[in-house]
Amino acid sequence: MSALVLALAAGAVVGLALGALGGGGSVLAVPALIYLLGFTPAAATTASLIIVTATSITALYAHARTGAVRWRAGALFAAAGLLPAAAAGAAAARLPQPVLTAAFAAVAALAAVRMLRPGPADSGPAVGDRAVAVRPVKVAGTGAGLGALTGLLGVGGGFLTVPALVTVAAFEMRAAVGTSLLVIAANSLASLATRGATTAGVDWALIAPFTGAAILGAWDGKRLAARVGGTRLKRTFAILLLAVAAFMLVDAVA
């Protein structure tokens, strides 16, 4: 099977996950880039950031049209993560490849566990933007941590950003999903800005079709979620992520 076909197929799966679940697609993008398309872990995290940025901005536009984005609160949340994202992005190129792979495997496993366990993002109260007790220090700390995760591992972190916006910023689920795309796009761009060397070496002949397929797949993912149901999709995706995480961990320590 040619690399182009693999890139299109992997991009479609990533897009489906993003569209159906509101996040998590980039957790599949990195292992697909490494094991299917032959990227190094450092190059894969950079390429994943490009894919995440393009897909998030496209999805952000769609959510903004329905009024599901809280621009002011999202911008403040994202601002806290910009510097950590940039710093972590610069550090990622200097980490040993096995360390980067093992760290990504741990995050993938965390994402899988998070999806298997019901949490605030699934069952929390729909408090929206009502006046609630939100601690600015906690919001800033959470935003900074998510920014560092995005910069280091090339993941959007939607599986963490959405519940964080629900629990820390007191958003209802619909607004959390839409606003998380703003946070993800901002952090991804900040990290890309510090990855000049690795960005120059990206194979655009593979990344461009991968990204295009992911964007198209995201639209299909929304329809898939409506037909199949979010709970079943999350469980299936979580099992797949656990398998990927185990494989990457074995590969890192072998």
Protein backbone atom coordinates (compact mmCIF):
# COMPACT_ATOMS: atom_id res chain seq x y z
CA MET A 1 0.00 0.00 0.00
CA SER A 2 1.44 3.38 -0.99
CA ALA A 3 2.33 6.06 1.54
CA LEU A 4 -0.25 8.40 0.01
CA VAL A 5 -3.08 5.91 0.50
CA LEU A 6 -1.95 5.29 4.08
CA ALA A 7 -1.87 9.05 4.74
CA LEU A 8 -5.40 9.47 3.40
CA ALA A 9 -6.74 6.50 5.39
CA ALA A 10 -5.05 7.58 8.63
CA GLY A 11 -6.22 11.17 8.18
CA ALA A 12 -9.80 10.02 7.69
CA VAL A 13 -9.69 8.00 10.93
CA VAL A 14 -8.19 10.93 12.85
CA GLY A 15 -10.86 13.26 11.47
CA LEU A 16 -13.65 10.83 12.33
CA ALA A 17 -12.44 10.66 15.93
CA LEU A 18 -12.17 14.43 16.19
CA GLY A 19 -15.59 15.05 14.67
CA ALA A 20 -17.36 12.31 16.62
CA LEU A 21 -15.76 12.86 20.02
CA GLY A 22 -14.77 16.53 19.99
CA GLY A 23 -11.12 15.66 20.57
CA GLY A 24 -8.62 12.83 20.76
CA GLY A 25 -7.89 12.57 17.05
CA SER A 26 -4.34 13.85 17.39
CA VAL A 27 -3.57 11.07 19.84
CA LEU A 28 -3.93 8.72 16.88
CA ALA A 29 -2.13 11.03 14.45
CA VAL A 30 1.31 10.69 16.04
CA PRO A 31 1.48 6.86 16.11
CA ALA A 32 0.05 6.76 12.57
CA LEU A 33 2.78 9.10 11.37
CA ILE A 34 5.48 7.06 13.12
CA TYR A 35 4.44 3.49 12.37
CA LEU A 36 2.57 3.85 9.09
CA LEU A 37 4.44 6.69 7.38
CA GLY A 38 7.91 6.28 8.87
CA PHE A 39 8.27 9.64 10.65
CA THR A 40 10.64 10.00 13.61
CA PRO A 41 8.87 10.80 16.92
CA ALA A 42 10.11 14.42 16.80
CA ALA A 43 9.00 14.91 13.20
CA ALA A 44 5.68 13.18 13.94
CA THR A 45 4.85 15.54 16.81
CA THR A 46 5.61 18.53 14.58
CA ALA A 47 3.51 17.14 11.73
CA SER A 48 0.72 16.38 14.19
CA LEU A 49 0.70 20.01 15.30
CA ILE A 50 0.23 21.10 11.70
CA ILE A 51 -2.66 18.65 11.29
CA VAL A 52 -4.20 19.65 14.64
CA THR A 53 -3.94 23.36 13.84
CA ALA A 54 -5.60 23.08 10.43
CA THR A 55 -8.33 20.72 11.62
CA SER A 56 -9.05 22.71 14.79
CA ILE A 57 -9.36 26.02 12.93
CA THR A 58 -11.76 24.43 10.43
CA ALA A 59 -13.86 22.89 13.19
CA LEU A 60 -13.70 26.14 15.19
CA TYR A 61 -15.32 27.99 12.29
CA ALA A 62 -18.17 25.48 12.22
CA HIS A 63 -18.76 25.74 15.97
CA ALA A 64 -18.50 29.55 15.92
CA ARG A 65 -21.31 29.72 13.37
CA THR A 66 -23.61 28.04 15.89
CA GLY A 67 -22.53 30.33 18.74
CA ALA A 68 -20.78 27.56 20.67
CA VAL A 69 -17.48 29.43 21.20
CA ARG A 70 -16.86 31.64 24.25
CA TRP A 71 -14.19 33.85 22.71
CA ARG A 72 -13.17 35.99 25.68
CA ALA A 73 -12.93 33.18 28.23
CA GLY A 74 -11.28 30.87 25.69
CA ALA A 75 -8.69 33.49 24.81
CA LEU A 76 -7.80 33.97 28.47
CA PHE A 77 -7.54 30.20 28.98
CA ALA A 78 -5.39 29.84 25.87
CA ALA A 79 -3.15 32.78 26.78
CA ALA A 80 -1.97 30.95 29.89
CA GLY A 81 -0.75 28.08 27.70
CA LEU A 82 1.06 30.02 24.97
CA LEU A 83 4.46 30.36 26.65
CA PRO A 84 4.47 26.79 28.05
CA ALA A 85 3.48 25.51 24.59
CA ALA A 86 6.31 27.42 22.93
CA ALA A 87 8.87 26.33 25.54
CA ALA A 88 7.80 22.69 25.42
CA GLY A 89 7.84 22.76 21.62
CA ALA A 90 11.45 23.93 21.65
CA ALA A 91 12.39 21.27 24.21
CA ALA A 92 10.73 18.42 22.32
CA ALA A 93 13.35 18.42 19.55
CA ARG A 94 16.09 17.87 22.15
CA LEU A 95 14.53 14.92 23.96
CA PRO A 96 15.72 11.37 23.20
CA GLN A 97 13.33 9.60 20.84
CA PRO A 98 12.50 6.73 23.27
CA VAL A 99 11.62 9.25 25.98
CA LEU A 100 9.30 11.12 23.63
CA THR A 101 7.66 7.87 22.53
CA ALA A 102 7.18 6.67 26.11
CA ALA A 103 5.73 10.02 27.18
CA PHE A 104 3.28 9.93 24.30
CA ALA A 105 2.29 6.37 25.19
CA ALA A 106 1.51 7.51 28.74
CA VAL A 107 -0.68 10.35 27.47
CA ALA A 108 -2.50 8.01 25.08
CA ALA A 109 -3.21 5.64 27.96
CA LEU A 110 -4.45 8.56 30.07
CA ALA A 111 -6.77 9.61 27.25
CA ALA A 112 -8.14 6.07 26.99
CA VAL A 113 -8.80 5.81 30.72
CA ARG A 114 -10.43 9.25 30.68
CA MET A 115 -12.80 8.12 27.94
CA LEU A 116 -13.69 4.87 29.68
CA ARG A 117 -14.61 6.63 32.91
CA PRO A 118 -17.60 9.00 33.02
CA GLY A 119 -16.58 12.42 34.25
CA PRO A 120 -17.67 16.02 34.39
CA ALA A 121 -17.54 16.36 30.61
CA ASP A 122 -20.17 13.63 30.33
CA SER A 123 -22.40 14.21 33.28
CA GLY A 124 -21.52 17.59 34.77
CA PRO A 125 -24.08 20.34 35.28
CA ALA A 126 -24.77 22.62 32.34
CA VAL A 127 -23.84 25.88 34.02
CA GLY A 128 -22.71 27.71 30.89
CA ASP A 129 -21.33 31.20 31.49
CA ARG A 130 -23.34 31.94 34.61
CA ALA A 131 -21.51 33.62 37.48
CA VAL A 132 -19.78 30.85 39.39
CA ALA A 133 -16.78 30.62 41.67
CA VAL A 134 -13.88 30.28 39.25
CA ARG A 135 -10.37 30.57 40.62
CA PRO A 136 -8.11 32.54 38.23
CA VAL A 137 -4.96 30.85 39.53
CA LYS A 138 -6.43 27.41 38.91
CA VAL A 139 -7.59 28.43 35.44
CA ALA A 140 -4.12 29.79 34.59
CA GLY A 141 -2.40 26.69 35.94
CA THR A 142 -4.66 24.37 33.99
CA GLY A 143 -4.20 26.39 30.80
CA ALA A 144 -0.43 26.36 31.24
CA GLY A 145 -0.35 22.60 31.76
CA LEU A 146 -2.45 21.94 28.66
CA GLY A 147 -0.22 24.27 26.63
CA ALA A 148 2.90 22.38 27.72
CA LEU A 149 1.28 19.07 26.78
CA THR A 150 0.40 20.37 23.32
CA GLY A 151 3.87 21.76 22.73
CA LEU A 152 5.77 18.71 23.92
CA LEU A 153 3.80 15.87 22.37
CA GLY A 154 2.02 17.49 19.44
CA VAL A 155 -1.44 16.60 20.72
CA GLY A 156 -4.33 19.03 20.83
CA GLY A 157 -5.37 17.75 24.23
CA GLY A 158 -9.09 17.99 23.54
CA PHE A 159 -9.69 14.97 25.78
CA LEU A 160 -8.32 17.07 28.66
CA THR A 161 -9.29 20.58 27.53
CA VAL A 162 -13.01 19.86 27.32
CA PRO A 163 -13.39 18.50 30.88
CA ALA A 164 -11.07 21.25 32.15
CA LEU A 165 -13.32 23.93 30.69
CA VAL A 166 -16.34 22.23 32.25
CA THR A 167 -14.88 21.82 35.73
CA VAL A 168 -12.49 24.77 36.02
CA ALA A 169 -14.15 27.42 33.84
CA ALA A 170 -17.73 26.21 34.49
CA PHE A 171 -18.77 25.86 30.83
CA GLU A 172 -21.64 23.74 29.66
CA MET A 173 -20.60 20.85 27.41
CA ARG A 174 -21.51 22.44 24.08
CA ALA A 175 -19.54 25.61 24.82
CA ALA A 176 -16.62 23.59 26.21
CA VAL A 177 -16.26 21.57 22.99
CA GLY A 178 -16.41 24.67 20.79
CA THR A 179 -14.09 26.76 22.97
CA SER A 180 -11.58 23.93 23.34
CA LEU A 181 -10.89 24.22 19.61
CA LEU A 182 -9.80 27.84 20.13
CA VAL A 183 -7.46 26.78 22.95
CA ILE A 184 -6.05 23.89 20.91
CA ALA A 185 -5.44 26.01 17.80
CA ALA A 186 -3.69 28.77 19.80
CA ASN A 187 -1.42 26.36 21.67
CA SER A 188 -0.57 24.44 18.51
CA LEU A 189 0.41 27.61 16.66
CA ALA A 190 2.57 28.74 19.59
CA SER A 191 4.39 25.42 19.62
CA LEU A 192 4.90 25.42 15.85
CA ALA A 193 6.50 28.85 16.08
CA THR A 194 9.41 27.34 18.06
CA ARG A 195 9.87 24.27 15.85
CA GLY A 196 11.50 25.91 12.85
CA ALA A 197 14.06 23.17 12.24
CA THR A 198 11.64 20.26 12.38
CA THR A 199 8.96 22.12 10.43
CA ALA A 200 11.36 22.61 7.53
CA GLY A 201 11.87 18.85 7.27
CA VAL A 202 8.19 17.90 7.18
CA ASP A 203 7.10 15.85 4.17
CA TRP A 204 4.29 18.03 2.83
CA ALA A 205 3.47 15.47 0.12
CA LEU A 206 2.11 13.27 2.93
CA ILE A 207 1.01 15.87 5.48
CA ALA A 208 -1.20 17.79 3.03
CA PRO A 209 -3.41 14.80 2.06
CA PHE A 210 -3.39 13.58 5.68
CA THR A 211 -4.70 16.97 6.82
CA GLY A 212 -7.26 17.21 4.03
CA ALA A 213 -8.64 13.76 4.85
CA ALA A 214 -8.79 14.66 8.54
CA ILE A 215 -10.79 17.84 7.83
CA LEU A 216 -13.27 15.95 5.66
CA GLY A 217 -13.45 13.08 8.15
CA ALA A 218 -14.34 15.48 10.96
CA TRP A 219 -17.59 16.38 9.18
CA ASP A 220 -18.45 12.71 8.76
CA GLY A 221 -17.60 12.13 12.41
CA LYS A 222 -20.37 14.48 13.53
CA ARG A 223 -22.91 12.46 11.55
CA LEU A 224 -21.47 9.19 12.84
CA ALA A 225 -21.84 10.32 16.45
CA ALA A 226 -25.49 11.14 15.86
CA ARG A 227 -26.17 7.65 14.49
CA VAL A 228 -24.05 5.41 16.71
CA GLY A 229 -24.03 7.29 20.01
CA GLY A 230 -21.20 8.94 21.90
CA THR A 231 -20.81 6.29 24.60
CA ARG A 232 -20.21 3.41 22.23
CA LEU A 233 -17.81 5.48 20.12
CA LYS A 234 -15.82 6.52 23.18
CA ARG A 235 -15.44 2.94 24.37
CA THR A 236 -14.31 1.73 20.95
CA PHE A 237 -11.85 4.59 20.61
CA ALA A 238 -10.54 4.08 24.15
CA ILE A 239 -9.81 0.39 23.53
CA LEU A 240 -7.96 1.30 20.34
CA LEU A 241 -5.94 3.93 22.23
CA LEU A 242 -4.98 1.46 24.95
CA ALA A 243 -3.67 -0.95 22.31
CA VAL A 244 -1.70 1.85 20.63
CA ALA A 245 -0.28 3.02 23.98
CA ALA A 246 0.85 -0.50 24.90
CA PHE A 247 2.52 -0.99 21.52
CA MET A 248 4.35 2.35 21.74
CA LEU A 249 5.51 1.69 25.30
CA VAL A 250 6.94 -1.71 24.32
CA ASP A 251 8.64 -0.07 21.33
CA ALA A 252 10.14 2.65 23.54
CA VAL A 253 11.68 0.29 26.09
CA ALA A 254 12.70 -2.45 23.65
